[in-house]
Structures are given as structure tokens and as C-alpha cells.
Amino acid sequence: MKRVYMNIDINSVTVPFLNNTAKQKRVTRDMLYPLVDIYRETEVTDILFNIFGQSSFPETDYWDSYSDIYERRLENGKEVDYTEYLYGPHRIIRELGIDVFDVWIKRARENGHRTWLSIR
């Protein structure tokens, strides 16, 4: 059987998607479905969710998360502001308490896809 893998990149796909979704006054779990629903009824068999680049997308005790970076104001002795870039992940994950990967993995499996977590 032929397998087709789709890797959903953390920075070029996930962050922009969540930034756009977070602009809505009310955010619900089903508003996250389109990220994986676009692969329904395609040849994609497996969806890989990238959860770590230089930092962790999910909250962790071991590495800075995207929400930690969102709140950071000083880096290497210089002032920084990541609030515009990481607004969506921060709002949806930390403020609203939605586990986006739980939502996406469950939805992808409902759509018949195998799911994976990937790390760069």
C-alpha cells in the first residue's frame, strides 16, 4: 500500500493558522478542524504535526514554549517583542486552554489519517 505523508510545519503553517483563528472573538475547538480537514478525501494517509523547532509548541517543563517566548521581553540582553507573531498560539493554548494537537490528532484520525508528532 502506498503511503503519502504530510508534514504540517510549526512556523509556516501552524502559527499563521492559529494567529488567524485567534482573531475571532470566540474560539472553539471545531474552528481548528480546517487545518486537517483539507486532507480529507485526498491521497494523504499520514499527517505529521511538527511540535518543536528551536522551542516547544506545547507547554513543557524542559524547554521554553511558544507562550513563554510570547511573554519574553528581554533576550540576550536586548529588548524583544514576539507578541504579534505568537499571539494565536498564546491565546488559544495558554489563555483558552485548548490543546490544539489533541484536537487535530483526534480529528485527523476521525478523517482516517494516521498521525505522528515530529521534531526538527
N, C-alpha and C. Protein backbone atom coordinates (compact mmCIF):
# COMPACT_ATOMS: atom_id res chain seq x y z
N MET A 1 0.84 -1.19 0.00
CA MET A 1 0.00 0.00 0.00
C MET A 1 0.88 1.25 0.00
N LYS A 2 0.54 2.17 -0.85
CA LYS A 2 1.26 3.43 -0.94
C LYS A 2 0.87 4.34 0.21
N ARG A 3 1.87 4.99 0.82
CA ARG A 3 1.62 5.95 1.91
C ARG A 3 2.06 7.32 1.45
N VAL A 4 1.24 8.32 1.78
CA VAL A 4 1.58 9.71 1.48
C VAL A 4 1.55 10.48 2.80
N TYR A 5 2.71 11.07 3.14
CA TYR A 5 2.86 11.78 4.40
C TYR A 5 2.79 13.29 4.17
N MET A 6 2.07 13.97 5.06
CA MET A 6 2.02 15.43 5.04
C MET A 6 2.60 15.92 6.35
N ASN A 7 3.66 16.72 6.28
CA ASN A 7 4.25 17.31 7.47
C ASN A 7 3.71 18.73 7.63
N ILE A 8 3.01 18.99 8.71
CA ILE A 8 2.48 20.32 8.98
C ILE A 8 3.51 21.07 9.79
N ASP A 9 4.14 22.05 9.15
CA ASP A 9 5.25 22.79 9.75
C ASP A 9 4.76 23.73 10.85
N ILE A 10 5.54 23.78 11.91
CA ILE A 10 5.20 24.58 13.08
C ILE A 10 5.15 26.09 12.78
N ASN A 11 6.13 26.60 12.04
CA ASN A 11 6.22 28.04 11.84
C ASN A 11 5.52 28.55 10.59
N SER A 12 5.57 27.79 9.51
CA SER A 12 4.98 28.30 8.28
C SER A 12 3.50 27.95 8.13
N VAL A 13 2.99 27.00 8.92
CA VAL A 13 1.59 26.59 8.81
C VAL A 13 0.84 26.78 10.14
N THR A 14 1.33 26.15 11.21
CA THR A 14 0.60 26.14 12.47
C THR A 14 0.45 27.54 13.07
N VAL A 15 1.55 28.28 13.19
CA VAL A 15 1.47 29.62 13.80
C VAL A 15 0.54 30.55 12.99
N PRO A 16 0.71 30.66 11.66
CA PRO A 16 -0.23 31.53 10.93
C PRO A 16 -1.69 31.09 11.05
N PHE A 17 -1.93 29.77 11.04
CA PHE A 17 -3.30 29.28 11.18
C PHE A 17 -3.89 29.72 12.52
N LEU A 18 -3.14 29.52 13.61
CA LEU A 18 -3.63 29.89 14.93
C LEU A 18 -3.76 31.40 15.09
N ASN A 19 -2.83 32.16 14.49
CA ASN A 19 -2.95 33.62 14.55
C ASN A 19 -4.25 34.07 13.90
N ASN A 20 -4.59 33.50 12.78
CA ASN A 20 -5.83 33.86 12.09
C ASN A 20 -7.05 33.44 12.91
N THR A 21 -7.02 32.23 13.44
CA THR A 21 -8.15 31.72 14.22
C THR A 21 -8.34 32.54 15.50
N ALA A 22 -7.25 32.92 16.14
CA ALA A 22 -7.32 33.64 17.42
C ALA A 22 -7.90 35.04 17.29
N LYS A 23 -8.00 35.56 16.08
CA LYS A 23 -8.58 36.89 15.88
C LYS A 23 -10.08 36.90 16.15
N GLN A 24 -10.70 35.73 16.12
CA GLN A 24 -12.14 35.64 16.34
C GLN A 24 -12.44 35.92 17.83
N LYS A 25 -13.56 36.54 18.08
CA LYS A 25 -13.93 36.87 19.45
C LYS A 25 -14.07 35.59 20.29
N ARG A 26 -14.72 34.60 19.73
CA ARG A 26 -14.93 33.33 20.41
C ARG A 26 -14.24 32.24 19.59
N VAL A 27 -13.35 31.50 20.23
CA VAL A 27 -12.64 30.42 19.56
C VAL A 27 -13.11 29.10 20.15
N THR A 28 -13.51 28.18 19.26
CA THR A 28 -13.95 26.86 19.70
C THR A 28 -13.05 25.79 19.07
N ARG A 29 -13.08 24.60 19.64
CA ARG A 29 -12.25 23.50 19.16
C ARG A 29 -12.53 23.20 17.69
N ASP A 30 -13.81 23.24 17.28
CA ASP A 30 -14.12 22.90 15.90
C ASP A 30 -13.60 23.94 14.90
N MET A 31 -13.24 25.12 15.37
CA MET A 31 -12.64 26.12 14.48
C MET A 31 -11.21 25.71 14.09
N LEU A 32 -10.66 24.72 14.78
CA LEU A 32 -9.32 24.22 14.47
C LEU A 32 -9.35 23.10 13.43
N TYR A 33 -10.50 22.53 13.16
CA TYR A 33 -10.62 21.40 12.24
C TYR A 33 -10.09 21.67 10.82
N PRO A 34 -10.29 22.85 10.24
CA PRO A 34 -9.86 23.05 8.86
C PRO A 34 -8.37 22.75 8.60
N LEU A 35 -7.53 22.87 9.62
CA LEU A 35 -6.11 22.58 9.41
C LEU A 35 -5.90 21.15 8.92
N VAL A 36 -6.70 20.21 9.42
CA VAL A 36 -6.55 18.82 9.00
C VAL A 36 -7.64 18.38 8.01
N ASP A 37 -8.78 19.03 8.05
CA ASP A 37 -9.87 18.63 7.16
C ASP A 37 -9.53 18.81 5.68
N ILE A 38 -8.59 19.68 5.38
CA ILE A 38 -8.23 19.88 3.96
C ILE A 38 -7.61 18.63 3.35
N TYR A 39 -7.16 17.70 4.18
CA TYR A 39 -6.54 16.47 3.67
C TYR A 39 -7.53 15.31 3.59
N ARG A 40 -8.78 15.56 4.00
CA ARG A 40 -9.81 14.53 3.88
C ARG A 40 -10.08 14.27 2.40
N GLU A 41 -10.27 13.02 2.08
CA GLU A 41 -10.57 12.59 0.71
C GLU A 41 -9.45 12.99 -0.26
N THR A 42 -8.22 12.98 0.22
CA THR A 42 -7.05 13.16 -0.65
C THR A 42 -6.23 11.88 -0.55
N GLU A 43 -5.09 11.86 -1.19
CA GLU A 43 -4.22 10.69 -1.12
C GLU A 43 -3.34 10.68 0.13
N VAL A 44 -3.43 11.72 0.95
CA VAL A 44 -2.65 11.78 2.18
C VAL A 44 -3.14 10.68 3.14
N THR A 45 -2.19 9.86 3.61
CA THR A 45 -2.52 8.77 4.53
C THR A 45 -2.07 9.06 5.96
N ASP A 46 -1.00 9.87 6.09
CA ASP A 46 -0.41 10.14 7.39
C ASP A 46 -0.16 11.64 7.53
N ILE A 47 -0.48 12.18 8.69
CA ILE A 47 -0.24 13.60 8.96
C ILE A 47 0.75 13.69 10.11
N LEU A 48 1.83 14.43 9.88
CA LEU A 48 2.86 14.66 10.89
C LEU A 48 2.70 16.08 11.39
N PHE A 49 2.60 16.23 12.69
CA PHE A 49 2.48 17.55 13.31
C PHE A 49 3.83 17.91 13.92
N ASN A 50 4.48 18.92 13.37
CA ASN A 50 5.75 19.36 13.93
C ASN A 50 5.46 20.14 15.19
N ILE A 51 6.05 19.73 16.33
CA ILE A 51 5.76 20.37 17.61
C ILE A 51 6.97 21.06 18.23
N PHE A 52 8.11 21.00 17.55
CA PHE A 52 9.31 21.56 18.15
C PHE A 52 10.28 21.98 17.06
N GLY A 53 10.68 23.25 17.11
CA GLY A 53 11.75 23.75 16.26
C GLY A 53 12.89 24.11 17.19
N GLN A 54 13.09 25.38 17.44
CA GLN A 54 14.06 25.80 18.44
C GLN A 54 13.41 25.89 19.82
N SER A 55 12.10 25.83 19.84
CA SER A 55 11.32 25.89 21.09
C SER A 55 10.17 24.91 20.97
N SER A 56 9.53 24.63 22.09
CA SER A 56 8.42 23.69 22.12
C SER A 56 7.10 24.41 21.87
N PHE A 57 6.30 23.86 21.00
CA PHE A 57 4.98 24.44 20.79
C PHE A 57 4.08 24.13 21.99
N PRO A 58 3.98 22.87 22.42
CA PRO A 58 3.20 22.60 23.63
C PRO A 58 3.93 23.07 24.88
N GLU A 59 3.18 23.28 25.94
CA GLU A 59 3.78 23.64 27.22
C GLU A 59 4.63 22.47 27.72
N THR A 60 5.79 22.78 28.28
CA THR A 60 6.69 21.74 28.79
C THR A 60 7.51 22.30 29.95
N ASP A 61 7.95 21.41 30.81
CA ASP A 61 8.82 21.81 31.92
C ASP A 61 10.29 21.86 31.50
N TYR A 62 10.61 21.44 30.31
CA TYR A 62 12.00 21.26 29.91
C TYR A 62 12.53 22.33 28.94
N TRP A 63 11.68 22.86 28.10
CA TRP A 63 12.09 23.86 27.12
C TRP A 63 11.13 25.05 27.17
N ASP A 64 11.58 26.17 26.68
CA ASP A 64 10.68 27.32 26.53
C ASP A 64 9.59 26.95 25.53
N SER A 65 8.36 27.29 25.88
CA SER A 65 7.25 27.07 24.94
C SER A 65 7.03 28.35 24.15
N TYR A 66 6.21 28.27 23.13
CA TYR A 66 5.89 29.46 22.34
C TYR A 66 5.22 30.52 23.20
N SER A 67 4.42 30.09 24.19
CA SER A 67 3.80 31.07 25.09
C SER A 67 4.84 31.74 25.97
N ASP A 68 5.86 30.98 26.40
CA ASP A 68 6.95 31.59 27.17
C ASP A 68 7.65 32.66 26.33
N ILE A 69 7.87 32.35 25.08
CA ILE A 69 8.54 33.30 24.19
C ILE A 69 7.64 34.51 23.94
N TYR A 70 6.34 34.29 23.81
CA TYR A 70 5.37 35.37 23.65
C TYR A 70 5.50 36.37 24.80
N GLU A 71 5.70 35.87 26.00
CA GLU A 71 5.78 36.72 27.19
C GLU A 71 7.18 37.31 27.42
N ARG A 72 8.17 36.82 26.71
CA ARG A 72 9.55 37.28 26.90
C ARG A 72 9.70 38.73 26.41
N ARG A 73 10.42 39.53 27.17
CA ARG A 73 10.67 40.93 26.79
C ARG A 73 12.16 41.24 26.66
N LEU A 74 13.01 40.30 27.12
CA LEU A 74 14.45 40.51 27.05
C LEU A 74 15.09 39.19 26.61
N GLU A 75 15.98 39.29 25.62
CA GLU A 75 16.65 38.11 25.10
C GLU A 75 18.09 38.47 24.76
N ASN A 76 19.03 37.77 25.36
CA ASN A 76 20.45 38.06 25.15
C ASN A 76 20.78 39.53 25.40
N GLY A 77 20.14 40.09 26.43
CA GLY A 77 20.41 41.47 26.81
C GLY A 77 19.73 42.52 25.93
N LYS A 78 18.88 42.08 25.01
CA LYS A 78 18.19 43.03 24.11
C LYS A 78 16.68 42.90 24.27
N GLU A 79 16.00 44.03 24.11
CA GLU A 79 14.54 44.02 24.19
C GLU A 79 13.97 43.30 22.97
N VAL A 80 12.96 42.47 23.21
CA VAL A 80 12.29 41.74 22.13
C VAL A 80 10.78 41.83 22.34
N ASP A 81 10.05 41.60 21.26
CA ASP A 81 8.59 41.57 21.33
C ASP A 81 8.07 40.58 20.30
N TYR A 82 7.65 39.42 20.76
CA TYR A 82 7.13 38.37 19.89
C TYR A 82 5.60 38.31 19.92
N THR A 83 4.97 39.31 20.54
CA THR A 83 3.54 39.23 20.76
C THR A 83 2.72 39.19 19.47
N GLU A 84 3.14 39.90 18.44
CA GLU A 84 2.38 39.86 17.19
C GLU A 84 2.53 38.50 16.52
N TYR A 85 3.73 37.99 16.47
CA TYR A 85 3.99 36.71 15.80
C TYR A 85 3.36 35.52 16.53
N LEU A 86 3.36 35.52 17.86
CA LEU A 86 2.90 34.36 18.62
C LEU A 86 1.59 34.59 19.36
N TYR A 87 0.83 35.58 18.92
CA TYR A 87 -0.45 35.89 19.55
C TYR A 87 -1.40 34.69 19.53
N GLY A 88 -1.59 34.08 18.40
CA GLY A 88 -2.55 32.98 18.26
C GLY A 88 -2.23 31.78 19.14
N PRO A 89 -1.00 31.25 19.05
CA PRO A 89 -0.68 30.13 19.92
C PRO A 89 -0.84 30.47 21.40
N HIS A 90 -0.41 31.65 21.80
CA HIS A 90 -0.52 32.05 23.20
C HIS A 90 -1.98 32.12 23.63
N ARG A 91 -2.80 32.78 22.85
CA ARG A 91 -4.21 32.94 23.23
C ARG A 91 -4.92 31.60 23.29
N ILE A 92 -4.77 30.80 22.26
CA ILE A 92 -5.53 29.55 22.17
C ILE A 92 -5.03 28.51 23.17
N ILE A 93 -3.72 28.38 23.29
CA ILE A 93 -3.18 27.34 24.16
C ILE A 93 -3.17 27.76 25.63
N ARG A 94 -2.56 28.89 25.92
CA ARG A 94 -2.40 29.26 27.34
C ARG A 94 -3.63 29.95 27.89
N GLU A 95 -4.19 30.93 27.18
CA GLU A 95 -5.33 31.67 27.72
C GLU A 95 -6.63 30.87 27.68
N LEU A 96 -6.88 30.18 26.55
CA LEU A 96 -8.13 29.44 26.41
C LEU A 96 -8.01 27.99 26.85
N GLY A 97 -6.79 27.51 27.01
CA GLY A 97 -6.57 26.15 27.49
C GLY A 97 -6.91 25.05 26.51
N ILE A 98 -6.85 25.34 25.21
CA ILE A 98 -7.17 24.33 24.20
C ILE A 98 -5.88 23.62 23.79
N ASP A 99 -5.87 22.30 23.90
CA ASP A 99 -4.74 21.50 23.44
C ASP A 99 -4.93 21.27 21.94
N VAL A 100 -4.30 22.12 21.13
CA VAL A 100 -4.53 22.08 19.68
C VAL A 100 -4.13 20.76 19.07
N PHE A 101 -3.06 20.15 19.57
CA PHE A 101 -2.63 18.88 18.98
C PHE A 101 -3.58 17.75 19.32
N ASP A 102 -4.19 17.79 20.50
CA ASP A 102 -5.22 16.82 20.84
C ASP A 102 -6.40 16.96 19.87
N VAL A 103 -6.81 18.19 19.62
CA VAL A 103 -7.92 18.44 18.68
C VAL A 103 -7.56 17.93 17.29
N TRP A 104 -6.39 18.30 16.79
CA TRP A 104 -6.01 17.92 15.43
C TRP A 104 -5.79 16.43 15.27
N ILE A 105 -5.17 15.80 16.25
CA ILE A 105 -4.92 14.36 16.16
C ILE A 105 -6.24 13.60 16.15
N LYS A 106 -7.15 13.94 17.05
CA LYS A 106 -8.45 13.26 17.08
C LYS A 106 -9.21 13.47 15.78
N ARG A 107 -9.19 14.70 15.27
CA ARG A 107 -9.92 14.99 14.04
C ARG A 107 -9.30 14.28 12.84
N ALA A 108 -7.97 14.28 12.78
CA ALA A 108 -7.30 13.59 11.67
C ALA A 108 -7.62 12.09 11.69
N ARG A 109 -7.66 11.51 12.87
CA ARG A 109 -7.99 10.08 12.99
C ARG A 109 -9.44 9.83 12.59
N GLU A 110 -10.35 10.74 12.96
CA GLU A 110 -11.75 10.62 12.52
C GLU A 110 -11.82 10.64 11.00
N ASN A 111 -10.91 11.40 10.38
CA ASN A 111 -10.89 11.51 8.92
C ASN A 111 -10.14 10.35 8.26
N GLY A 112 -9.65 9.40 9.08
CA GLY A 112 -8.99 8.21 8.53
C GLY A 112 -7.49 8.34 8.35
N HIS A 113 -6.87 9.35 8.93
CA HIS A 113 -5.43 9.52 8.80
C HIS A 113 -4.68 8.94 9.99
N ARG A 114 -3.50 8.42 9.72
CA ARG A 114 -2.58 8.08 10.80
C ARG A 114 -1.91 9.37 11.21
N THR A 115 -1.56 9.51 12.48
CA THR A 115 -0.96 10.76 12.95
C THR A 115 0.37 10.51 13.64
N TRP A 116 1.22 11.53 13.55
CA TRP A 116 2.55 11.48 14.13
C TRP A 116 2.90 12.84 14.69
N LEU A 117 3.76 12.88 15.71
CA LEU A 117 4.34 14.12 16.17
C LEU A 117 5.79 14.13 15.69
N SER A 118 6.23 15.25 15.14
CA SER A 118 7.60 15.32 14.65
C SER A 118 8.34 16.47 15.32
N ILE A 119 9.64 16.32 15.37
CA ILE A 119 10.52 17.31 15.98
C ILE A 119 11.62 17.64 14.99
N ARG A 120 11.90 18.93 14.81
CA ARG A 120 13.02 19.30 13.93
C ARG A 120 14.29 19.34 14.72
